[in-house]
Amino acid sequence: MTDATVISREPVREPAPEHRADQPAADQPALWIERTGTRRYVGYSERGGVVQIGGSQADETFTPGELLKIALAACTGLSSDAAFARRLGDDYPATIHVSGVKDAEEDRYPTLVERLEVDLSSLDEAARERLITVVTRAIDQSCTVGRTLKAGATIELDIHSVDEPAGASS
């Protein structure tokens, strides 16, 4: 890509909000995964989305860590799309790279780095800076994945036997 501008974002950790278990979740599409073999799963959405999930040795799959990174990059792209399209046209090309090295001791990614590549050569320097500001603000305000990663999230896990009635837990 010639004369491309690179926007790099490194998440800043914010304190996690207080968990509100008394607030019902908004209507969400059903998401689930099904085991298909040793360390192999297929993820589904009720809208028909399908993704192959496996360990790092499984061909044609994503690891959960890769899906986390892809989700962040996708959220950045979707959150920035309208602002870029308004200024650059609906058919503007963009690529978002995302990386993060796993801390093996803590079994987590302490830092995720995104690199958004887009051709801004048609804009003068002032227009570029304005667009980068608008895009960065749009991402910071509407990328749910990024906002969740920055703030942290409470995770609730319910494990139950398939022979139990719905809602019963072990």
N, C-alpha and C. Protein backbone atom coordinates (compact mmCIF):
# COMPACT_ATOMS: atom_id res chain seq x y z
N MET A 1 0.86 -1.17 0.00
CA MET A 1 0.00 0.00 0.00
C MET A 1 0.90 1.22 0.00
N THR A 2 0.80 2.10 -0.96
CA THR A 2 1.64 3.27 -1.01
C THR A 2 0.95 4.44 -0.35
N ASP A 3 1.75 5.28 0.28
CA ASP A 3 1.27 6.49 0.96
C ASP A 3 0.09 6.17 1.89
N ALA A 4 0.18 5.07 2.59
CA ALA A 4 -0.87 4.68 3.53
C ALA A 4 -0.57 5.28 4.89
N THR A 5 -1.59 5.58 5.61
CA THR A 5 -1.44 6.06 6.98
C THR A 5 -1.74 4.90 7.90
N VAL A 6 -0.94 4.76 8.92
CA VAL A 6 -1.11 3.69 9.88
C VAL A 6 -1.58 4.30 11.19
N ILE A 7 -2.69 3.78 11.70
CA ILE A 7 -3.21 4.20 12.99
C ILE A 7 -2.95 3.06 13.95
N SER A 8 -2.15 3.29 14.97
CA SER A 8 -1.89 2.25 15.96
C SER A 8 -2.63 2.58 17.23
N ARG A 9 -3.27 1.55 17.82
CA ARG A 9 -3.98 1.72 19.09
C ARG A 9 -3.46 0.70 20.06
N GLU A 10 -3.04 1.14 21.21
CA GLU A 10 -2.68 0.23 22.28
C GLU A 10 -3.68 0.47 23.39
N PRO A 11 -4.43 -0.57 23.80
CA PRO A 11 -5.45 -0.39 24.82
C PRO A 11 -4.87 0.12 26.13
N VAL A 12 -5.64 0.98 26.78
CA VAL A 12 -5.31 1.47 28.11
C VAL A 12 -6.28 0.82 29.07
N ARG A 13 -5.78 0.21 30.11
CA ARG A 13 -6.65 -0.51 31.05
C ARG A 13 -7.39 0.48 31.93
N GLU A 14 -8.70 0.34 31.98
CA GLU A 14 -9.55 1.14 32.85
C GLU A 14 -10.07 0.23 33.95
N PRO A 15 -10.44 0.78 35.11
CA PRO A 15 -10.98 -0.08 36.16
C PRO A 15 -12.27 -0.75 35.71
N ALA A 16 -12.48 -2.00 36.13
CA ALA A 16 -13.68 -2.75 35.77
C ALA A 16 -14.89 -2.14 36.47
N PRO A 17 -16.02 -2.02 35.76
CA PRO A 17 -17.23 -1.50 36.39
C PRO A 17 -17.79 -2.51 37.38
N GLU A 18 -18.61 -2.02 38.28
CA GLU A 18 -19.25 -2.91 39.24
C GLU A 18 -20.17 -3.85 38.49
N HIS A 19 -20.12 -5.13 38.85
CA HIS A 19 -20.97 -6.13 38.19
C HIS A 19 -22.41 -5.94 38.65
N ARG A 20 -23.34 -5.95 37.72
CA ARG A 20 -24.76 -5.77 38.03
C ARG A 20 -25.52 -7.01 37.58
N ALA A 21 -25.51 -8.06 38.41
CA ALA A 21 -26.18 -9.31 38.06
C ALA A 21 -27.69 -9.16 38.00
N ASP A 22 -28.22 -8.08 38.61
CA ASP A 22 -29.66 -7.89 38.63
C ASP A 22 -30.19 -7.29 37.33
N GLN A 23 -29.31 -6.88 36.42
CA GLN A 23 -29.74 -6.30 35.15
C GLN A 23 -29.78 -7.40 34.09
N PRO A 24 -30.94 -7.63 33.47
CA PRO A 24 -31.01 -8.67 32.44
C PRO A 24 -30.21 -8.25 31.21
N ALA A 25 -29.65 -9.24 30.53
CA ALA A 25 -28.91 -8.98 29.30
C ALA A 25 -29.88 -8.54 28.21
N ALA A 26 -29.41 -7.64 27.37
CA ALA A 26 -30.22 -7.22 26.22
C ALA A 26 -30.41 -8.43 25.30
N ASP A 27 -31.42 -8.37 24.46
CA ASP A 27 -31.63 -9.47 23.52
C ASP A 27 -30.36 -9.68 22.71
N GLN A 28 -29.85 -10.88 22.76
CA GLN A 28 -28.61 -11.24 22.08
C GLN A 28 -28.88 -12.46 21.21
N PRO A 29 -28.21 -12.55 20.07
CA PRO A 29 -28.36 -13.77 19.28
C PRO A 29 -27.74 -14.94 20.04
N ALA A 30 -28.32 -16.10 19.87
CA ALA A 30 -27.80 -17.30 20.52
C ALA A 30 -26.45 -17.64 19.91
N LEU A 31 -25.48 -17.94 20.76
CA LEU A 31 -24.15 -18.37 20.35
C LEU A 31 -23.82 -19.64 21.11
N TRP A 32 -23.19 -20.61 20.43
CA TRP A 32 -22.80 -21.83 21.11
C TRP A 32 -21.69 -22.50 20.32
N ILE A 33 -20.98 -23.40 21.00
CA ILE A 33 -20.00 -24.23 20.32
C ILE A 33 -20.32 -25.69 20.62
N GLU A 34 -19.95 -26.55 19.69
CA GLU A 34 -20.14 -27.99 19.86
C GLU A 34 -18.82 -28.69 19.62
N ARG A 35 -18.52 -29.65 20.48
CA ARG A 35 -17.29 -30.42 20.35
C ARG A 35 -17.42 -31.38 19.18
N THR A 36 -16.38 -31.38 18.32
CA THR A 36 -16.38 -32.26 17.15
C THR A 36 -15.23 -33.26 17.18
N GLY A 37 -14.36 -33.15 18.17
CA GLY A 37 -13.22 -34.06 18.29
C GLY A 37 -12.29 -33.56 19.38
N THR A 38 -11.16 -34.22 19.53
CA THR A 38 -10.19 -33.83 20.54
C THR A 38 -9.68 -32.42 20.25
N ARG A 39 -9.94 -31.50 21.17
CA ARG A 39 -9.54 -30.08 21.05
C ARG A 39 -10.05 -29.44 19.75
N ARG A 40 -11.23 -29.87 19.30
CA ARG A 40 -11.86 -29.31 18.11
C ARG A 40 -13.31 -28.98 18.43
N TYR A 41 -13.74 -27.79 18.06
CA TYR A 41 -15.10 -27.34 18.26
C TYR A 41 -15.54 -26.57 17.02
N VAL A 42 -16.84 -26.43 16.87
CA VAL A 42 -17.40 -25.55 15.85
C VAL A 42 -18.30 -24.56 16.57
N GLY A 43 -18.09 -23.28 16.29
CA GLY A 43 -18.90 -22.23 16.89
C GLY A 43 -20.01 -21.82 15.94
N TYR A 44 -21.19 -21.52 16.50
CA TYR A 44 -22.36 -21.16 15.70
C TYR A 44 -23.03 -19.91 16.24
N SER A 45 -23.69 -19.20 15.35
CA SER A 45 -24.61 -18.13 15.76
C SER A 45 -25.96 -18.46 15.15
N GLU A 46 -27.02 -17.99 15.78
CA GLU A 46 -28.36 -18.25 15.24
C GLU A 46 -28.57 -17.59 13.89
N ARG A 47 -27.69 -16.66 13.50
CA ARG A 47 -27.79 -16.01 12.19
C ARG A 47 -27.12 -16.83 11.09
N GLY A 48 -26.55 -18.00 11.45
CA GLY A 48 -25.93 -18.86 10.46
C GLY A 48 -24.41 -18.77 10.40
N GLY A 49 -23.81 -17.96 11.25
CA GLY A 49 -22.35 -17.88 11.28
C GLY A 49 -21.75 -19.17 11.81
N VAL A 50 -20.61 -19.56 11.23
CA VAL A 50 -19.92 -20.79 11.64
C VAL A 50 -18.42 -20.50 11.67
N VAL A 51 -17.75 -20.99 12.70
CA VAL A 51 -16.30 -20.83 12.80
C VAL A 51 -15.69 -22.11 13.37
N GLN A 52 -14.60 -22.55 12.76
CA GLN A 52 -13.88 -23.74 13.22
C GLN A 52 -12.89 -23.33 14.29
N ILE A 53 -12.90 -24.03 15.43
CA ILE A 53 -12.06 -23.68 16.57
C ILE A 53 -11.24 -24.91 16.94
N GLY A 54 -9.96 -24.70 17.20
CA GLY A 54 -9.10 -25.80 17.60
C GLY A 54 -7.84 -25.31 18.27
N GLY A 55 -7.03 -26.25 18.69
CA GLY A 55 -5.74 -25.91 19.26
C GLY A 55 -4.81 -25.39 18.17
N SER A 56 -3.65 -24.92 18.57
CA SER A 56 -2.73 -24.32 17.60
C SER A 56 -2.20 -25.31 16.56
N GLN A 57 -2.34 -26.60 16.81
CA GLN A 57 -1.87 -27.61 15.86
C GLN A 57 -2.96 -28.01 14.85
N ALA A 58 -4.19 -27.57 15.05
CA ALA A 58 -5.30 -27.98 14.18
C ALA A 58 -5.35 -27.09 12.93
N ASP A 59 -5.36 -27.74 11.76
CA ASP A 59 -5.43 -27.01 10.49
C ASP A 59 -6.81 -26.38 10.32
N GLU A 60 -6.84 -25.27 9.59
CA GLU A 60 -8.08 -24.60 9.17
C GLU A 60 -9.00 -24.26 10.35
N THR A 61 -8.39 -23.88 11.45
CA THR A 61 -9.15 -23.46 12.63
C THR A 61 -8.55 -22.18 13.19
N PHE A 62 -9.29 -21.55 14.06
CA PHE A 62 -8.79 -20.45 14.86
C PHE A 62 -8.67 -20.95 16.29
N THR A 63 -7.62 -20.51 16.99
CA THR A 63 -7.54 -20.77 18.42
C THR A 63 -8.43 -19.75 19.11
N PRO A 64 -8.84 -19.99 20.35
CA PRO A 64 -9.61 -18.98 21.07
C PRO A 64 -8.88 -17.63 21.16
N GLY A 65 -7.56 -17.67 21.37
CA GLY A 65 -6.80 -16.42 21.42
C GLY A 65 -6.82 -15.67 20.10
N GLU A 66 -6.73 -16.41 19.00
CA GLU A 66 -6.82 -15.78 17.68
C GLU A 66 -8.20 -15.18 17.46
N LEU A 67 -9.24 -15.88 17.91
CA LEU A 67 -10.60 -15.34 17.78
C LEU A 67 -10.76 -14.05 18.59
N LEU A 68 -10.15 -14.00 19.76
CA LEU A 68 -10.18 -12.78 20.57
C LEU A 68 -9.56 -11.62 19.79
N LYS A 69 -8.40 -11.87 19.21
CA LYS A 69 -7.72 -10.83 18.44
C LYS A 69 -8.52 -10.44 17.19
N ILE A 70 -9.04 -11.44 16.48
CA ILE A 70 -9.87 -11.17 15.29
C ILE A 70 -11.10 -10.36 15.68
N ALA A 71 -11.72 -10.70 16.82
CA ALA A 71 -12.90 -9.96 17.29
C ALA A 71 -12.55 -8.50 17.53
N LEU A 72 -11.39 -8.25 18.13
CA LEU A 72 -10.97 -6.86 18.38
C LEU A 72 -10.76 -6.12 17.06
N ALA A 73 -10.03 -6.74 16.13
CA ALA A 73 -9.80 -6.09 14.83
C ALA A 73 -11.10 -5.85 14.08
N ALA A 74 -12.00 -6.84 14.11
CA ALA A 74 -13.28 -6.69 13.42
C ALA A 74 -14.11 -5.57 14.04
N CYS A 75 -14.10 -5.48 15.34
CA CYS A 75 -14.84 -4.43 16.02
C CYS A 75 -14.27 -3.06 15.67
N THR A 76 -12.96 -2.96 15.61
CA THR A 76 -12.31 -1.71 15.21
C THR A 76 -12.73 -1.34 13.79
N GLY A 77 -12.73 -2.32 12.89
CA GLY A 77 -13.13 -2.06 11.51
C GLY A 77 -14.57 -1.62 11.40
N LEU A 78 -15.46 -2.34 12.06
CA LEU A 78 -16.88 -1.98 12.00
C LEU A 78 -17.15 -0.61 12.65
N SER A 79 -16.44 -0.32 13.72
CA SER A 79 -16.64 0.95 14.42
C SER A 79 -16.10 2.14 13.63
N SER A 80 -15.10 1.91 12.80
CA SER A 80 -14.49 2.99 12.02
C SER A 80 -15.07 3.11 10.61
N ASP A 81 -15.85 2.14 10.20
CA ASP A 81 -16.29 2.04 8.81
C ASP A 81 -17.06 3.27 8.33
N ALA A 82 -18.03 3.72 9.08
CA ALA A 82 -18.86 4.84 8.62
C ALA A 82 -18.04 6.12 8.46
N ALA A 83 -17.16 6.39 9.41
CA ALA A 83 -16.35 7.61 9.32
C ALA A 83 -15.42 7.57 8.12
N PHE A 84 -14.77 6.44 7.90
CA PHE A 84 -13.89 6.32 6.73
C PHE A 84 -14.70 6.39 5.44
N ALA A 85 -15.82 5.70 5.37
CA ALA A 85 -16.63 5.68 4.14
C ALA A 85 -17.14 7.08 3.80
N ARG A 86 -17.56 7.84 4.81
CA ARG A 86 -18.04 9.21 4.56
C ARG A 86 -16.96 10.06 3.89
N ARG A 87 -15.72 9.88 4.31
CA ARG A 87 -14.64 10.74 3.81
C ARG A 87 -13.92 10.15 2.59
N LEU A 88 -13.83 8.80 2.54
CA LEU A 88 -13.03 8.17 1.49
C LEU A 88 -13.86 7.45 0.43
N GLY A 89 -15.16 7.30 0.69
CA GLY A 89 -16.03 6.57 -0.24
C GLY A 89 -16.30 5.17 0.26
N ASP A 90 -17.44 4.63 -0.15
CA ASP A 90 -17.88 3.31 0.34
C ASP A 90 -16.93 2.17 -0.01
N ASP A 91 -16.13 2.33 -1.04
CA ASP A 91 -15.27 1.23 -1.48
C ASP A 91 -13.82 1.37 -1.02
N TYR A 92 -13.58 2.13 0.05
CA TYR A 92 -12.20 2.32 0.50
C TYR A 92 -11.61 0.99 0.99
N PRO A 93 -10.36 0.71 0.66
CA PRO A 93 -9.72 -0.51 1.18
C PRO A 93 -9.08 -0.24 2.55
N ALA A 94 -9.12 -1.23 3.41
CA ALA A 94 -8.47 -1.11 4.72
C ALA A 94 -8.06 -2.51 5.17
N THR A 95 -7.00 -2.55 5.93
CA THR A 95 -6.54 -3.79 6.54
C THR A 95 -6.22 -3.49 7.99
N ILE A 96 -6.67 -4.36 8.88
CA ILE A 96 -6.38 -4.18 10.30
C ILE A 96 -5.60 -5.41 10.76
N HIS A 97 -4.38 -5.18 11.19
CA HIS A 97 -3.54 -6.25 11.73
C HIS A 97 -3.68 -6.18 13.25
N VAL A 98 -3.67 -7.32 13.88
CA VAL A 98 -3.74 -7.35 15.34
C VAL A 98 -2.79 -8.43 15.84
N SER A 99 -2.09 -8.10 16.91
CA SER A 99 -1.14 -9.06 17.45
C SER A 99 -1.11 -8.93 18.97
N GLY A 100 -0.56 -9.93 19.57
CA GLY A 100 -0.37 -9.92 21.02
C GLY A 100 0.38 -11.18 21.40
N VAL A 101 1.41 -11.01 22.19
CA VAL A 101 2.21 -12.15 22.62
C VAL A 101 1.65 -12.65 23.94
N LYS A 102 1.42 -13.94 24.00
CA LYS A 102 0.85 -14.56 25.20
C LYS A 102 1.90 -14.62 26.31
N ASP A 103 1.51 -14.23 27.49
CA ASP A 103 2.34 -14.41 28.68
C ASP A 103 2.05 -15.82 29.18
N ALA A 104 2.99 -16.74 28.97
CA ALA A 104 2.76 -18.15 29.30
C ALA A 104 2.53 -18.37 30.78
N GLU A 105 3.23 -17.62 31.64
CA GLU A 105 3.05 -17.80 33.08
C GLU A 105 1.65 -17.42 33.54
N GLU A 106 1.13 -16.33 33.00
CA GLU A 106 -0.20 -15.85 33.40
C GLU A 106 -1.30 -16.39 32.49
N ASP A 107 -0.91 -17.04 31.39
CA ASP A 107 -1.86 -17.59 30.42
C ASP A 107 -2.86 -16.53 29.97
N ARG A 108 -2.34 -15.40 29.51
CA ARG A 108 -3.17 -14.30 29.01
C ARG A 108 -2.33 -13.43 28.07
N TYR A 109 -3.02 -12.52 27.37
CA TYR A 109 -2.36 -11.56 26.50
C TYR A 109 -2.32 -10.22 27.24
N PRO A 110 -1.17 -9.82 27.75
CA PRO A 110 -1.13 -8.56 28.51
C PRO A 110 -1.33 -7.32 27.64
N THR A 111 -0.96 -7.41 26.37
CA THR A 111 -1.11 -6.28 25.46
C THR A 111 -1.54 -6.78 24.09
N LEU A 112 -2.53 -6.12 23.53
CA LEU A 112 -2.94 -6.38 22.15
C LEU A 112 -2.67 -5.10 21.37
N VAL A 113 -2.07 -5.24 20.21
CA VAL A 113 -1.71 -4.09 19.39
C VAL A 113 -2.42 -4.21 18.04
N GLU A 114 -3.11 -3.15 17.64
CA GLU A 114 -3.78 -3.11 16.35
C GLU A 114 -3.05 -2.13 15.45
N ARG A 115 -3.07 -2.43 14.18
CA ARG A 115 -2.49 -1.53 13.17
C ARG A 115 -3.50 -1.44 12.04
N LEU A 116 -4.14 -0.29 11.89
CA LEU A 116 -5.15 -0.06 10.87
C LEU A 116 -4.47 0.65 9.70
N GLU A 117 -4.46 -0.01 8.56
CA GLU A 117 -3.83 0.55 7.37
C GLU A 117 -4.92 1.00 6.39
N VAL A 118 -4.85 2.26 6.01
CA VAL A 118 -5.83 2.83 5.09
C VAL A 118 -5.13 3.93 4.27
N ASP A 119 -5.50 4.06 3.03
CA ASP A 119 -4.89 5.04 2.14
C ASP A 119 -5.57 6.40 2.33
N LEU A 120 -4.83 7.32 2.89
CA LEU A 120 -5.34 8.68 3.11
C LEU A 120 -4.63 9.69 2.21
N SER A 121 -4.02 9.21 1.14
CA SER A 121 -3.22 10.09 0.26
C SER A 121 -4.05 11.16 -0.43
N SER A 122 -5.36 10.98 -0.52
CA SER A 122 -6.21 11.99 -1.17
C SER A 122 -6.52 13.16 -0.25
N LEU A 123 -6.13 13.07 1.01
CA LEU A 123 -6.43 14.12 1.99
C LEU A 123 -5.19 14.94 2.30
N ASP A 124 -5.39 16.25 2.55
CA ASP A 124 -4.26 17.06 3.01
C ASP A 124 -4.00 16.73 4.49
N GLU A 125 -2.90 17.21 5.02
CA GLU A 125 -2.48 16.85 6.38
C GLU A 125 -3.54 17.20 7.42
N ALA A 126 -4.17 18.36 7.32
CA ALA A 126 -5.19 18.76 8.29
C ALA A 126 -6.40 17.82 8.22
N ALA A 127 -6.83 17.47 7.01
CA ALA A 127 -7.97 16.57 6.85
C ALA A 127 -7.63 15.18 7.37
N ARG A 128 -6.39 14.74 7.16
CA ARG A 128 -5.96 13.44 7.69
C ARG A 128 -6.07 13.43 9.22
N GLU A 129 -5.52 14.45 9.83
CA GLU A 129 -5.53 14.51 11.30
C GLU A 129 -6.96 14.55 11.84
N ARG A 130 -7.84 15.32 11.19
CA ARG A 130 -9.24 15.37 11.62
C ARG A 130 -9.90 14.00 11.50
N LEU A 131 -9.67 13.33 10.37
CA LEU A 131 -10.27 12.01 10.16
C LEU A 131 -9.73 10.99 11.17
N ILE A 132 -8.44 11.01 11.42
CA ILE A 132 -7.86 10.10 12.41
C ILE A 132 -8.47 10.36 13.79
N THR A 133 -8.67 11.62 14.14
CA THR A 133 -9.30 11.96 15.43
C THR A 133 -10.73 11.43 15.49
N VAL A 134 -11.50 11.65 14.41
CA VAL A 134 -12.89 11.19 14.36
C VAL A 134 -12.95 9.66 14.43
N VAL A 135 -12.10 8.99 13.69
CA VAL A 135 -12.08 7.53 13.66
C VAL A 135 -11.68 6.97 15.02
N THR A 136 -10.64 7.53 15.62
CA THR A 136 -10.19 7.06 16.93
C THR A 136 -11.30 7.24 17.96
N ARG A 137 -11.98 8.37 17.92
CA ARG A 137 -13.10 8.61 18.85
C ARG A 137 -14.23 7.61 18.60
N ALA A 138 -14.55 7.35 17.34
CA ALA A 138 -15.62 6.39 17.02
C ALA A 138 -15.28 5.00 17.55
N ILE A 139 -14.05 4.58 17.37
CA ILE A 139 -13.62 3.27 17.87
C ILE A 139 -13.68 3.24 19.39
N ASP A 140 -13.14 4.26 20.03
CA ASP A 140 -13.14 4.30 21.50
C ASP A 140 -14.54 4.32 22.08
N GLN A 141 -15.50 4.91 21.37
CA GLN A 141 -16.86 5.02 21.88
C GLN A 141 -17.75 3.85 21.51
N SER A 142 -17.45 3.14 20.40
CA SER A 142 -18.43 2.14 19.97
C SER A 142 -17.87 0.75 19.72
N CYS A 143 -16.60 0.52 19.95
CA CYS A 143 -16.06 -0.84 19.79
C CYS A 143 -16.28 -1.59 21.10
N THR A 144 -17.34 -2.36 21.15
CA THR A 144 -17.72 -3.08 22.37
C THR A 144 -16.63 -4.05 22.81
N VAL A 145 -16.00 -4.72 21.87
CA VAL A 145 -14.95 -5.67 22.22
C VAL A 145 -13.78 -4.94 22.87
N GLY A 146 -13.32 -3.86 22.26
CA GLY A 146 -12.22 -3.09 22.83
C GLY A 146 -12.57 -2.50 24.18
N ARG A 147 -13.77 -1.97 24.30
CA ARG A 147 -14.21 -1.39 25.57
C ARG A 147 -14.28 -2.46 26.66
N THR A 148 -14.73 -3.66 26.30
CA THR A 148 -14.80 -4.76 27.26
C THR A 148 -13.40 -5.19 27.69
N LEU A 149 -12.49 -5.31 26.75
CA LEU A 149 -11.12 -5.70 27.09
C LEU A 149 -10.45 -4.66 27.98
N LYS A 150 -10.67 -3.38 27.68
CA LYS A 150 -10.08 -2.32 28.49
C LYS A 150 -10.62 -2.32 29.91
N ALA A 151 -11.91 -2.50 30.04
CA ALA A 151 -12.56 -2.40 31.36
C ALA A 151 -12.51 -3.71 32.14
N GLY A 152 -12.36 -4.81 31.45
CA GLY A 152 -12.45 -6.11 32.10
C GLY A 152 -13.91 -6.55 32.12
N ALA A 153 -14.15 -7.80 32.34
CA ALA A 153 -15.52 -8.33 32.35
C ALA A 153 -15.63 -9.41 33.40
N THR A 154 -16.78 -9.50 34.00
CA THR A 154 -17.08 -10.60 34.90
C THR A 154 -17.53 -11.77 34.05
N ILE A 155 -17.00 -12.95 34.32
CA ILE A 155 -17.37 -14.14 33.58
C ILE A 155 -18.07 -15.09 34.53
N GLU A 156 -19.25 -15.50 34.16
CA GLU A 156 -20.01 -16.45 34.96
C GLU A 156 -20.11 -17.75 34.20
N LEU A 157 -19.75 -18.86 34.83
CA LEU A 157 -19.78 -20.17 34.20
C LEU A 157 -20.72 -21.07 34.98
N ASP A 158 -21.66 -21.68 34.28
CA ASP A 158 -22.60 -22.63 34.88
C ASP A 158 -22.36 -23.97 34.20
N ILE A 159 -21.95 -24.96 34.96
CA ILE A 159 -21.72 -26.30 34.42
C ILE A 159 -22.83 -27.19 34.94
N HIS A 160 -23.53 -27.85 34.01
CA HIS A 160 -24.57 -28.77 34.47
C HIS A 160 -24.64 -29.99 33.57
N SER A 161 -25.12 -31.06 34.13
CA SER A 161 -25.24 -32.31 33.40
C SER A 161 -26.45 -32.22 32.46
N VAL A 162 -26.32 -32.77 31.27
CA VAL A 162 -27.40 -32.71 30.29
C VAL A 162 -28.64 -33.45 30.75
N ASP A 163 -28.53 -34.28 31.78
CA ASP A 163 -29.72 -34.99 32.28
C ASP A 163 -30.45 -34.18 33.34
N GLU A 164 -29.94 -32.98 33.69
CA GLU A 164 -30.62 -32.12 34.67
C GLU A 164 -31.65 -31.24 33.97
N PRO A 165 -32.68 -30.83 34.67
CA PRO A 165 -33.63 -29.88 34.07
C PRO A 165 -32.94 -28.54 33.81
N ALA A 166 -33.44 -27.81 32.84
CA ALA A 166 -32.88 -26.50 32.52
C ALA A 166 -32.84 -25.63 33.76
N GLY A 167 -31.73 -24.92 33.92
CA GLY A 167 -31.60 -23.99 35.06
C GLY A 167 -30.98 -24.65 36.29
N ALA A 168 -30.94 -25.96 36.36
CA ALA A 168 -30.31 -26.63 37.50
C ALA A 168 -28.81 -26.64 37.28
N SER A 169 -28.04 -26.47 38.32
CA SER A 169 -26.58 -26.48 38.16
C SER A 169 -25.97 -27.42 39.18
N SER A 170 -24.76 -27.89 38.82
CA SER A 170 -24.07 -28.81 39.73
C SER A 170 -22.96 -28.12 40.45
